[in-house]
Amino acid sequence: MNRAGTSLPEVLVAVAILGIGLAGVAALTRLSVSALVRVRATDEAQAALQSFVDSATAAGTRPSAGSRELEFGDLSWDVPAGAGDSAWARFEHQALPAPVEIAFVVRVVP
């Protein structure tokens, strides 16, 4: 006897397949959002560090050592007094697991 329609096992299998698919989409969405947050935070950290390095290497400006709290993290640095010495700056962003660091050399332009 042929009956039109779907049986309960067929519906359960279809719902299970859809559930697995939706769980996969949700996991990928979570991963992509977390990656986007990390990329944006790294970009903000690098911009803050580049801005600091630009101001530290500008003529007549020589910050020795210190730190500053910014909107999205903490910036710290150490710039030696001698020209040509290695200096560093570190930015600890709230959304990143590790600080972003940059090393640079302050040159005196005649």
PDB file of N, CA and C in Angstrom:
ATOM      1  N   MET A   1       0.829  -1.165   0.000  1.00  0.00           N
ATOM      2  CA  MET A   1       0.000   0.000   0.000  1.00  0.00           C
ATOM      3  C   MET A   1       0.886   1.245   0.000  1.00  0.00           C
ATOM      4  N   ASN A   2       0.715   2.109  -0.942  1.00  0.00           N
ATOM      5  CA  ASN A   2       1.455   3.358  -1.052  1.00  0.00           C
ATOM      6  C   ASN A   2       0.670   4.480  -0.404  1.00  0.00           C
ATOM      7  N   ARG A   3       1.340   5.173   0.546  1.00  0.00           N
ATOM      8  CA  ARG A   3       0.654   6.285   1.207  1.00  0.00           C
ATOM      9  C   ARG A   3       1.448   7.552   0.923  1.00  0.00           C
ATOM     10  N   ALA A   4       0.778   8.604   0.601  1.00  0.00           N
ATOM     11  CA  ALA A   4       1.437   9.887   0.345  1.00  0.00           C
ATOM     12  C   ALA A   4       1.774  10.538   1.681  1.00  0.00           C
ATOM     13  N   GLY A   5       2.922  11.301   1.718  1.00  0.00           N
ATOM     14  CA  GLY A   5       3.313  11.984   2.951  1.00  0.00           C
ATOM     15  C   GLY A   5       4.644  11.472   3.469  1.00  0.00           C
ATOM     16  N   THR A   6       5.012  11.982   4.617  1.00  0.00           N
ATOM     17  CA  THR A   6       6.282  11.586   5.214  1.00  0.00           C
ATOM     18  C   THR A   6       6.019  10.936   6.558  1.00  0.00           C
ATOM     19  N   SER A   7       6.905  10.046   6.891  1.00  0.00           N
ATOM     20  CA  SER A   7       6.743   9.345   8.163  1.00  0.00           C
ATOM     21  C   SER A   7       7.534  10.071   9.246  1.00  0.00           C
ATOM     22  N   LEU A   8       7.291   9.716  10.484  1.00  0.00           N
ATOM     23  CA  LEU A   8       7.968  10.332  11.614  1.00  0.00           C
ATOM     24  C   LEU A   8       9.488  10.121  11.565  1.00  0.00           C
ATOM     25  N   PRO A   9      10.007   8.958  11.252  1.00  0.00           N
ATOM     26  CA  PRO A   9      11.471   8.807  11.158  1.00  0.00           C
ATOM     27  C   PRO A   9      12.099   9.711  10.097  1.00  0.00           C
ATOM     28  N   GLU A  10      11.423   9.902   8.984  1.00  0.00           N
ATOM     29  CA  GLU A  10      11.950  10.794   7.943  1.00  0.00           C
ATOM     30  C   GLU A  10      12.022  12.230   8.445  1.00  0.00           C
ATOM     31  N   VAL A  11      11.014  12.667   9.151  1.00  0.00           N
ATOM     32  CA  VAL A  11      11.003  14.032   9.699  1.00  0.00           C
ATOM     33  C   VAL A  11      12.111  14.186  10.741  1.00  0.00           C
ATOM     34  N   LEU A  12      12.298  13.189  11.602  1.00  0.00           N
ATOM     35  CA  LEU A  12      13.346  13.253  12.617  1.00  0.00           C
ATOM     36  C   LEU A  12      14.741  13.314  11.988  1.00  0.00           C
ATOM     37  N   VAL A  13      14.970  12.540  10.951  1.00  0.00           N
ATOM     38  CA  VAL A  13      16.262  12.573  10.258  1.00  0.00           C
ATOM     39  C   VAL A  13      16.478  13.945   9.625  1.00  0.00           C
ATOM     40  N   ALA A  14      15.462  14.509   8.996  1.00  0.00           N
ATOM     41  CA  ALA A  14      15.577  15.825   8.370  1.00  0.00           C
ATOM     42  C   ALA A  14      15.867  16.903   9.412  1.00  0.00           C
ATOM     43  N   VAL A  15      15.201  16.851  10.552  1.00  0.00           N
ATOM     44  CA  VAL A  15      15.434  17.826  11.623  1.00  0.00           C
ATOM     45  C   VAL A  15      16.847  17.679  12.187  1.00  0.00           C
ATOM     46  N   ALA A  16      17.323  16.453  12.336  1.00  0.00           N
ATOM     47  CA  ALA A  16      18.682  16.222  12.838  1.00  0.00           C
ATOM     48  C   ALA A  16      19.709  16.784  11.868  1.00  0.00           C
ATOM     49  N   ILE A  17      19.525  16.571  10.585  1.00  0.00           N
ATOM     50  CA  ILE A  17      20.455  17.093   9.582  1.00  0.00           C
ATOM     51  C   ILE A  17      20.450  18.620   9.599  1.00  0.00           C
ATOM     52  N   LEU A  18      19.287  19.219   9.676  1.00  0.00           N
ATOM     53  CA  LEU A  18      19.203  20.682   9.752  1.00  0.00           C
ATOM     54  C   LEU A  18      19.859  21.209  11.026  1.00  0.00           C
ATOM     55  N   GLY A  19      19.666  20.515  12.128  1.00  0.00           N
ATOM     56  CA  GLY A  19      20.278  20.935  13.397  1.00  0.00           C
ATOM     57  C   GLY A  19      21.791  20.903  13.335  1.00  0.00           C
ATOM     58  N   ILE A  20      22.340  19.859  12.723  1.00  0.00           N
ATOM     59  CA  ILE A  20      23.796  19.756  12.580  1.00  0.00           C
ATOM     60  C   ILE A  20      24.308  20.887  11.684  1.00  0.00           C
ATOM     61  N   GLY A  21      23.605  21.158  10.623  1.00  0.00           N
ATOM     62  CA  GLY A  21      23.997  22.247   9.720  1.00  0.00           C
ATOM     63  C   GLY A  21      23.962  23.603  10.414  1.00  0.00           C
ATOM     64  N   LEU A  22      22.909  23.868  11.169  1.00  0.00           N
ATOM     65  CA  LEU A  22      22.799  25.139  11.886  1.00  0.00           C
ATOM     66  C   LEU A  22      23.856  25.265  12.973  1.00  0.00           C
ATOM     67  N   ALA A  23      24.198  24.170  13.631  1.00  0.00           N
ATOM     68  CA  ALA A  23      25.256  24.207  14.644  1.00  0.00           C
ATOM     69  C   ALA A  23      26.597  24.546  13.998  1.00  0.00           C
ATOM     70  N   GLY A  24      26.852  24.003  12.825  1.00  0.00           N
ATOM     71  CA  GLY A  24      28.084  24.328  12.099  1.00  0.00           C
ATOM     72  C   GLY A  24      28.139  25.789  11.693  1.00  0.00           C
ATOM     73  N   VAL A  25      27.031  26.323  11.207  1.00  0.00           N
ATOM     74  CA  VAL A  25      26.975  27.740  10.837  1.00  0.00           C
ATOM     75  C   VAL A  25      27.192  28.624  12.062  1.00  0.00           C
ATOM     76  N   ALA A  26      26.599  28.267  13.184  1.00  0.00           N
ATOM     77  CA  ALA A  26      26.775  29.055  14.412  1.00  0.00           C
ATOM     78  C   ALA A  26      28.237  29.035  14.866  1.00  0.00           C
ATOM     79  N   ALA A  27      28.888  27.891  14.784  1.00  0.00           N
ATOM     80  CA  ALA A  27      30.297  27.791  15.182  1.00  0.00           C
ATOM     81  C   ALA A  27      31.177  28.625  14.262  1.00  0.00           C
ATOM     82  N   LEU A  28      30.940  28.575  12.970  1.00  0.00           N
ATOM     83  CA  LEU A  28      31.722  29.377  12.027  1.00  0.00           C
ATOM     84  C   LEU A  28      31.491  30.867  12.232  1.00  0.00           C
ATOM     85  N   THR A  29      30.270  31.246  12.552  1.00  0.00           N
ATOM     86  CA  THR A  29      29.974  32.653  12.815  1.00  0.00           C
ATOM     87  C   THR A  29      30.723  33.128  14.046  1.00  0.00           C
ATOM     88  N   ARG A  30      30.743  32.335  15.095  1.00  0.00           N
ATOM     89  CA  ARG A  30      31.457  32.690  16.316  1.00  0.00           C
ATOM     90  C   ARG A  30      32.943  32.845  16.041  1.00  0.00           C
ATOM     91  N   LEU A  31      33.523  31.915  15.275  1.00  0.00           N
ATOM     92  CA  LEU A  31      34.944  31.996  14.943  1.00  0.00           C
ATOM     93  C   LEU A  31      35.266  33.222  14.099  1.00  0.00           C
ATOM     94  N   SER A  32      34.410  33.537  13.144  1.00  0.00           N
ATOM     95  CA  SER A  32      34.681  34.689  12.287  1.00  0.00           C
ATOM     96  C   SER A  32      34.544  36.001  13.055  1.00  0.00           C
ATOM     97  N   VAL A  33      33.602  36.092  13.979  1.00  0.00           N
ATOM     98  CA  VAL A  33      33.471  37.300  14.799  1.00  0.00           C
ATOM     99  C   VAL A  33      34.687  37.459  15.696  1.00  0.00           C
ATOM    100  N   SER A  34      35.147  36.381  16.292  1.00  0.00           N
ATOM    101  CA  SER A  34      36.324  36.458  17.155  1.00  0.00           C
ATOM    102  C   SER A  34      37.564  36.833  16.349  1.00  0.00           C
ATOM    103  N   ALA A  35      37.705  36.316  15.139  1.00  0.00           N
ATOM    104  CA  ALA A  35      38.839  36.685  14.281  1.00  0.00           C
ATOM    105  C   ALA A  35      38.754  38.157  13.889  1.00  0.00           C
ATOM    106  N   LEU A  36      37.561  38.643  13.604  1.00  0.00           N
ATOM    107  CA  LEU A  36      37.381  40.052  13.261  1.00  0.00           C
ATOM    108  C   LEU A  36      37.768  40.954  14.429  1.00  0.00           C
ATOM    109  N   VAL A  37      37.407  40.580  15.643  1.00  0.00           N
ATOM    110  CA  VAL A  37      37.762  41.367  16.830  1.00  0.00           C
ATOM    111  C   VAL A  37      39.280  41.393  16.996  1.00  0.00           C
ATOM    112  N   ARG A  38      39.939  40.256  16.817  1.00  0.00           N
ATOM    113  CA  ARG A  38      41.405  40.215  16.941  1.00  0.00           C
ATOM    114  C   ARG A  38      42.082  41.067  15.883  1.00  0.00           C
ATOM    115  N   VAL A  39      41.592  40.996  14.647  1.00  0.00           N
ATOM    116  CA  VAL A  39      42.187  41.784  13.566  1.00  0.00           C
ATOM    117  C   VAL A  39      41.998  43.269  13.830  1.00  0.00           C
ATOM    118  N   ARG A  40      40.812  43.665  14.232  1.00  0.00           N
ATOM    119  CA  ARG A  40      40.559  45.082  14.514  1.00  0.00           C
ATOM    120  C   ARG A  40      41.410  45.557  15.690  1.00  0.00           C
ATOM    121  N   ALA A  41      41.540  44.753  16.731  1.00  0.00           N
ATOM    122  CA  ALA A  41      42.350  45.121  17.889  1.00  0.00           C
ATOM    123  C   ALA A  41      43.824  45.234  17.509  1.00  0.00           C
ATOM    124  N   THR A  42      44.313  44.308  16.688  1.00  0.00           N
ATOM    125  CA  THR A  42      45.705  44.379  16.232  1.00  0.00           C
ATOM    126  C   THR A  42      45.929  45.633  15.402  1.00  0.00           C
ATOM    127  N   ASP A  43      44.982  45.973  14.554  1.00  0.00           N
ATOM    128  CA  ASP A  43      45.090  47.185  13.749  1.00  0.00           C
ATOM    129  C   ASP A  43      45.118  48.429  14.637  1.00  0.00           C
ATOM    130  N   GLU A  44      44.255  48.479  15.647  1.00  0.00           N
ATOM    131  CA  GLU A  44      44.242  49.615  16.572  1.00  0.00           C
ATOM    132  C   GLU A  44      45.561  49.705  17.336  1.00  0.00           C
ATOM    133  N   ALA A  45      46.085  48.557  17.769  1.00  0.00           N
ATOM    134  CA  ALA A  45      47.350  48.544  18.507  1.00  0.00           C
ATOM    135  C   ALA A  45      48.489  49.018  17.619  1.00  0.00           C
ATOM    136  N   GLN A  46      48.541  48.550  16.395  1.00  0.00           N
ATOM    137  CA  GLN A  46      49.606  48.971  15.490  1.00  0.00           C
ATOM    138  C   GLN A  46      49.500  50.453  15.154  1.00  0.00           C
ATOM    139  N   ALA A  47      48.281  50.967  15.001  1.00  0.00           N
ATOM    140  CA  ALA A  47      48.103  52.397  14.728  1.00  0.00           C
ATOM    141  C   ALA A  47      48.565  53.235  15.911  1.00  0.00           C
ATOM    142  N   ALA A  48      48.245  52.797  17.132  1.00  0.00           N
ATOM    143  CA  ALA A  48      48.679  53.526  18.325  1.00  0.00           C
ATOM    144  C   ALA A  48      50.198  53.507  18.442  1.00  0.00           C
ATOM    145  N   LEU A  49      50.806  52.360  18.177  1.00  0.00           N
ATOM    146  CA  LEU A  49      52.262  52.262  18.242  1.00  0.00           C
ATOM    147  C   LEU A  49      52.924  53.102  17.161  1.00  0.00           C
ATOM    148  N   GLN A  50      52.385  53.069  15.952  1.00  0.00           N
ATOM    149  CA  GLN A  50      52.971  53.855  14.871  1.00  0.00           C
ATOM    150  C   GLN A  50      52.856  55.344  15.166  1.00  0.00           C
ATOM    151  N   SER A  51      51.736  55.759  15.704  1.00  0.00           N
ATOM    152  CA  SER A  51      51.567  57.159  16.081  1.00  0.00           C
ATOM    153  C   SER A  51      52.587  57.555  17.142  1.00  0.00           C
ATOM    154  N   PHE A  52      52.800  56.677  18.117  1.00  0.00           N
ATOM    155  CA  PHE A  52      53.778  56.966  19.167  1.00  0.00           C
ATOM    156  C   PHE A  52      55.183  57.049  18.585  1.00  0.00           C
ATOM    157  N   VAL A  53      55.547  56.086  17.734  1.00  0.00           N
ATOM    158  CA  VAL A  53      56.882  56.085  17.141  1.00  0.00           C
ATOM    159  C   VAL A  53      57.087  57.338  16.297  1.00  0.00           C
ATOM    160  N   ASP A  54      56.074  57.726  15.533  1.00  0.00           N
ATOM    161  CA  ASP A  54      56.190  58.943  14.730  1.00  0.00           C
ATOM    162  C   ASP A  54      56.438  60.162  15.610  1.00  0.00           C
ATOM    163  N   SER A  55      55.727  60.254  16.729  1.00  0.00           N
ATOM    164  CA  SER A  55      55.923  61.408  17.612  1.00  0.00           C
ATOM    165  C   SER A  55      57.243  61.308  18.364  1.00  0.00           C
ATOM    166  N   ALA A  56      57.700  60.093  18.687  1.00  0.00           N
ATOM    167  CA  ALA A  56      58.959  59.923  19.414  1.00  0.00           C
ATOM    168  C   ALA A  56      60.153  60.222  18.532  1.00  0.00           C
ATOM    169  N   THR A  57      60.023  59.995  17.245  1.00  0.00           N
ATOM    170  CA  THR A  57      61.154  60.221  16.342  1.00  0.00           C
ATOM    171  C   THR A  57      61.106  61.594  15.692  1.00  0.00           C
ATOM    172  N   ALA A  58      60.082  62.387  16.000  1.00  0.00           N
ATOM    173  CA  ALA A  58      59.991  63.733  15.432  1.00  0.00           C
ATOM    174  C   ALA A  58      61.095  64.605  16.017  1.00  0.00           C
ATOM    175  N   ALA A  59      61.491  65.592  15.269  1.00  0.00           N
ATOM    176  CA  ALA A  59      62.563  66.489  15.710  1.00  0.00           C
ATOM    177  C   ALA A  59      62.150  67.222  16.982  1.00  0.00           C
ATOM    178  N   GLY A  60      63.057  67.230  17.958  1.00  0.00           N
ATOM    179  CA  GLY A  60      62.815  67.962  19.197  1.00  0.00           C
ATOM    180  C   GLY A  60      61.985  67.221  20.222  1.00  0.00           C
ATOM    181  N   THR A  61      61.533  66.026  19.920  1.00  0.00           N
ATOM    182  CA  THR A  61      60.715  65.277  20.868  1.00  0.00           C
ATOM    183  C   THR A  61      61.496  64.052  21.323  1.00  0.00           C
ATOM    184  N   ARG A  62      61.606  63.853  22.624  1.00  0.00           N
ATOM    185  CA  ARG A  62      62.340  62.694  23.123  1.00  0.00           C
ATOM    186  C   ARG A  62      61.700  62.210  24.420  1.00  0.00           C
ATOM    187  N   PRO A  63      60.644  61.394  24.347  1.00  0.00           N
ATOM    188  CA  PRO A  63      60.098  60.830  25.583  1.00  0.00           C
ATOM    189  C   PRO A  63      61.036  59.758  26.115  1.00  0.00           C
ATOM    190  N   SER A  64      61.346  59.781  27.381  1.00  0.00           N
ATOM    191  CA  SER A  64      62.308  58.804  27.918  1.00  0.00           C
ATOM    192  C   SER A  64      61.634  57.463  28.187  1.00  0.00           C
ATOM    193  N   ALA A  65      60.803  57.397  29.170  1.00  0.00           N
ATOM    194  CA  ALA A  65      60.093  56.165  29.499  1.00  0.00           C
ATOM    195  C   ALA A  65      58.771  56.558  30.135  1.00  0.00           C
ATOM    196  N   GLY A  66      57.797  55.703  30.006  1.00  0.00           N
ATOM    197  CA  GLY A  66      56.511  56.011  30.620  1.00  0.00           C
ATOM    198  C   GLY A  66      55.410  55.116  30.110  1.00  0.00           C
ATOM    199  N   SER A  67      54.216  55.507  30.436  1.00  0.00           N
ATOM    200  CA  SER A  67      53.049  54.761  29.983  1.00  0.00           C
ATOM    201  C   SER A  67      51.863  55.713  29.897  1.00  0.00           C
ATOM    202  N   ARG A  68      50.889  55.294  29.134  1.00  0.00           N
ATOM    203  CA  ARG A  68      49.692  56.099  28.941  1.00  0.00           C
ATOM    204  C   ARG A  68      48.512  55.150  28.753  1.00  0.00           C
ATOM    205  N   GLU A  69      47.411  55.472  29.383  1.00  0.00           N
ATOM    206  CA  GLU A  69      46.200  54.666  29.222  1.00  0.00           C
ATOM    207  C   GLU A  69      45.374  55.266  28.099  1.00  0.00           C
ATOM    208  N   LEU A  70      45.100  54.449  27.098  1.00  0.00           N
ATOM    209  CA  LEU A  70      44.288  54.887  25.971  1.00  0.00           C
ATOM    210  C   LEU A  70      42.907  54.262  26.072  1.00  0.00           C
ATOM    211  N   GLU A  71      42.054  54.624  25.155  1.00  0.00           N
ATOM    212  CA  GLU A  71      40.660  54.167  25.188  1.00  0.00           C
ATOM    213  C   GLU A  71      40.528  52.649  25.175  1.00  0.00           C
ATOM    214  N   PHE A  72      41.364  51.970  24.404  1.00  0.00           N
ATOM    215  CA  PHE A  72      41.203  50.531  24.238  1.00  0.00           C
ATOM    216  C   PHE A  72      42.394  49.722  24.720  1.00  0.00           C
ATOM    217  N   GLY A  73      43.275  50.324  25.537  1.00  0.00           N
ATOM    218  CA  GLY A  73      44.400  49.574  26.071  1.00  0.00           C
ATOM    219  C   GLY A  73      45.440  50.490  26.692  1.00  0.00           C
ATOM    220  N   ASP A  74      46.573  49.897  27.073  1.00  0.00           N
ATOM    221  CA  ASP A  74      47.649  50.632  27.728  1.00  0.00           C
ATOM    222  C   ASP A  74      48.890  50.642  26.849  1.00  0.00           C
ATOM    223  N   LEU A  75      49.496  51.826  26.704  1.00  0.00           N
ATOM    224  CA  LEU A  75      50.713  52.018  25.934  1.00  0.00           C
ATOM    225  C   LEU A  75      51.856  52.274  26.899  1.00  0.00           C
ATOM    226  N   SER A  76      52.965  51.557  26.741  1.00  0.00           N
ATOM    227  CA  SER A  76      54.154  51.808  27.560  1.00  0.00           C
ATOM    228  C   SER A  76      55.361  51.840  26.627  1.00  0.00           C
ATOM    229  N   TRP A  77      56.424  52.562  27.051  1.00  0.00           N
ATOM    230  CA  TRP A  77      57.582  52.733  26.195  1.00  0.00           C
ATOM    231  C   TRP A  77      58.835  53.019  26.995  1.00  0.00           C
ATOM    232  N   ASP A  78      59.970  52.832  26.306  1.00  0.00           N
ATOM    233  CA  ASP A  78      61.273  53.198  26.850  1.00  0.00           C
ATOM    234  C   ASP A  78      62.129  53.674  25.683  1.00  0.00           C
ATOM    235  N   VAL A  79      62.523  54.938  25.725  1.00  0.00           N
ATOM    236  CA  VAL A  79      63.340  55.524  24.676  1.00  0.00           C
ATOM    237  C   VAL A  79      64.625  56.023  25.326  1.00  0.00           C
ATOM    238  N   PRO A  80      65.767  55.397  25.050  1.00  0.00           N
ATOM    239  CA  PRO A  80      67.029  55.836  25.641  1.00  0.00           C
ATOM    240  C   PRO A  80      67.399  57.241  25.178  1.00  0.00           C
ATOM    241  N   ALA A  81      68.257  57.914  25.958  1.00  0.00           N
ATOM    242  CA  ALA A  81      68.639  59.295  25.668  1.00  0.00           C
ATOM    243  C   ALA A  81      69.572  59.400  24.469  1.00  0.00           C
ATOM    244  N   GLY A  82      70.383  58.379  24.222  1.00  0.00           N
ATOM    245  CA  GLY A  82      71.368  58.465  23.150  1.00  0.00           C
ATOM    246  C   GLY A  82      70.765  58.235  21.781  1.00  0.00           C
ATOM    247  N   ALA A  83      71.210  59.032  20.813  1.00  0.00           N
ATOM    248  CA  ALA A  83      70.746  58.847  19.441  1.00  0.00           C
ATOM    249  C   ALA A  83      71.292  57.529  18.904  1.00  0.00           C
ATOM    250  N   GLY A  84      70.498  56.808  18.184  1.00  0.00           N
ATOM    251  CA  GLY A  84      70.909  55.544  17.605  1.00  0.00           C
ATOM    252  C   GLY A  84      70.685  54.348  18.505  1.00  0.00           C
ATOM    253  N   ASP A  85      70.287  54.586  19.753  1.00  0.00           N
ATOM    254  CA  ASP A  85      70.011  53.475  20.665  1.00  0.00           C
ATOM    255  C   ASP A  85      68.664  52.843  20.337  1.00  0.00           C
ATOM    256  N   SER A  86      68.553  51.571  20.633  1.00  0.00           N
ATOM    257  CA  SER A  86      67.284  50.876  20.395  1.00  0.00           C
ATOM    258  C   SER A  86      66.246  51.297  21.422  1.00  0.00           C
ATOM    259  N   ALA A  87      65.048  51.498  20.965  1.00  0.00           N
ATOM    260  CA  ALA A  87      63.925  51.865  21.827  1.00  0.00           C
ATOM    261  C   ALA A  87      62.796  50.868  21.580  1.00  0.00           C
ATOM    262  N   TRP A  88      61.823  50.849  22.465  1.00  0.00           N
ATOM    263  CA  TRP A  88      60.697  49.952  22.276  1.00  0.00           C
ATOM    264  C   TRP A  88      59.417  50.615  22.781  1.00  0.00           C
ATOM    265  N   ALA A  89      58.325  50.139  22.255  1.00  0.00           N
ATOM    266  CA  ALA A  89      56.999  50.548  22.722  1.00  0.00           C
ATOM    267  C   ALA A  89      56.131  49.302  22.705  1.00  0.00           C
ATOM    268  N   ARG A  90      55.231  49.213  23.671  1.00  0.00           N
ATOM    269  CA  ARG A  90      54.359  48.040  23.820  1.00  0.00           C
ATOM    270  C   ARG A  90      52.930  48.535  24.031  1.00  0.00           C
ATOM    271  N   PHE A  91      51.999  47.873  23.359  1.00  0.00           N
ATOM    272  CA  PHE A  91      50.587  48.207  23.532  1.00  0.00           C
ATOM    273  C   PHE A  91      49.839  46.955  23.954  1.00  0.00           C
ATOM    274  N   GLU A  92      49.194  47.037  25.104  1.00  0.00           N
ATOM    275  CA  GLU A  92      48.385  45.924  25.610  1.00  0.00           C
ATOM    276  C   GLU A  92      46.920  46.242  25.346  1.00  0.00           C
ATOM    277  N   HIS A  93      46.396  45.633  24.306  1.00  0.00           N
ATOM    278  CA  HIS A  93      45.000  45.862  23.918  1.00  0.00           C
ATOM    279  C   HIS A  93      44.096  44.954  24.733  1.00  0.00           C
ATOM    280  N   GLN A  94      42.931  45.465  25.083  1.00  0.00           N
ATOM    281  CA  GLN A  94      41.983  44.709  25.911  1.00  0.00           C
ATOM    282  C   GLN A  94      41.507  43.434  25.225  1.00  0.00           C
ATOM    283  N   ALA A  95      41.435  43.429  23.908  1.00  0.00           N
ATOM    284  CA  ALA A  95      40.874  42.285  23.191  1.00  0.00           C
ATOM    285  C   ALA A  95      41.930  41.292  22.717  1.00  0.00           C
ATOM    286  N   LEU A  96      43.211  41.566  22.986  1.00  0.00           N
ATOM    287  CA  LEU A  96      44.266  40.668  22.528  1.00  0.00           C
ATOM    288  C   LEU A  96      44.860  39.889  23.689  1.00  0.00           C
ATOM    289  N   PRO A  97      45.214  38.625  23.466  1.00  0.00           N
ATOM    290  CA  PRO A  97      45.768  37.814  24.551  1.00  0.00           C
ATOM    291  C   PRO A  97      47.199  38.201  24.919  1.00  0.00           C
ATOM    292  N   ALA A  98      47.937  38.812  23.990  1.00  0.00           N
ATOM    293  CA  ALA A  98      49.332  39.193  24.254  1.00  0.00           C
ATOM    294  C   ALA A  98      49.558  40.616  23.753  1.00  0.00           C
ATOM    295  N   PRO A  99      50.491  41.344  24.367  1.00  0.00           N
ATOM    296  CA  PRO A  99      50.754  42.706  23.918  1.00  0.00           C
ATOM    297  C   PRO A  99      51.419  42.740  22.539  1.00  0.00           C
ATOM    298  N   VAL A 100      51.220  43.836  21.834  1.00  0.00           N
ATOM    299  CA  VAL A 100      51.869  44.077  20.551  1.00  0.00           C
ATOM    300  C   VAL A 100      53.057  44.978  20.837  1.00  0.00           C
ATOM    301  N   GLU A 101      54.248  44.573  20.373  1.00  0.00           N
ATOM    302  CA  GLU A 101      55.462  45.331  20.653  1.00  0.00           C
ATOM    303  C   GLU A 101      56.109  45.786  19.355  1.00  0.00           C
ATOM    304  N   ILE A 102      56.831  46.899  19.449  1.00  0.00           N
ATOM    305  CA  ILE A 102      57.569  47.404  18.305  1.00  0.00           C
ATOM    306  C   ILE A 102      58.897  47.932  18.807  1.00  0.00           C
ATOM    307  N   ALA A 103      59.959  47.664  18.051  1.00  0.00           N
ATOM    308  CA  ALA A 103      61.291  48.183  18.369  1.00  0.00           C
ATOM    309  C   ALA A 103      61.652  49.197  17.290  1.00  0.00           C
ATOM    310  N   PHE A 104      62.321  50.271  17.694  1.00  0.00           N
ATOM    311  CA  PHE A 104      62.707  51.292  16.738  1.00  0.00           C
ATOM    312  C   PHE A 104      63.963  51.999  17.224  1.00  0.00           C
ATOM    313  N   VAL A 105      64.559  52.771  16.348  1.00  0.00           N
ATOM    314  CA  VAL A 105      65.780  53.522  16.668  1.00  0.00           C
ATOM    315  C   VAL A 105      65.498  54.995  16.445  1.00  0.00           C
ATOM    316  N   VAL A 106      65.853  55.810  17.421  1.00  0.00           N
ATOM    317  CA  VAL A 106      65.678  57.265  17.296  1.00  0.00           C
ATOM    318  C   VAL A 106      66.947  57.823  16.680  1.00  0.00           C
ATOM    319  N   ARG A 107      66.813  58.477  15.573  1.00  0.00           N
ATOM    320  CA  ARG A 107      67.967  59.070  14.891  1.00  0.00           C
ATOM    321  C   ARG A 107      67.861  60.584  14.991  1.00  0.00           C
ATOM    322  N   VAL A 108      69.015  61.216  15.115  1.00  0.00           N
ATOM    323  CA  VAL A 108      69.058  62.670  15.138  1.00  0.00           C
ATOM    324  C   VAL A 108      69.350  63.133  13.723  1.00  0.00           C
ATOM    325  N   VAL A 109      68.435  63.932  13.185  1.00  0.00           N
ATOM    326  CA  VAL A 109      68.604  64.450  11.834  1.00  0.00           C
ATOM    327  C   VAL A 109      69.223  65.838  11.942  1.00  0.00           C
ATOM    328  N   PRO A 110      70.371  66.049  11.287  1.00  0.00           N
ATOM    329  CA  PRO A 110      71.021  67.361  11.385  1.00  0.00           C
ATOM    330  C   PRO A 110      70.256  68.441  10.671  1.00  0.00           C
TER     331      PRO A 110
END
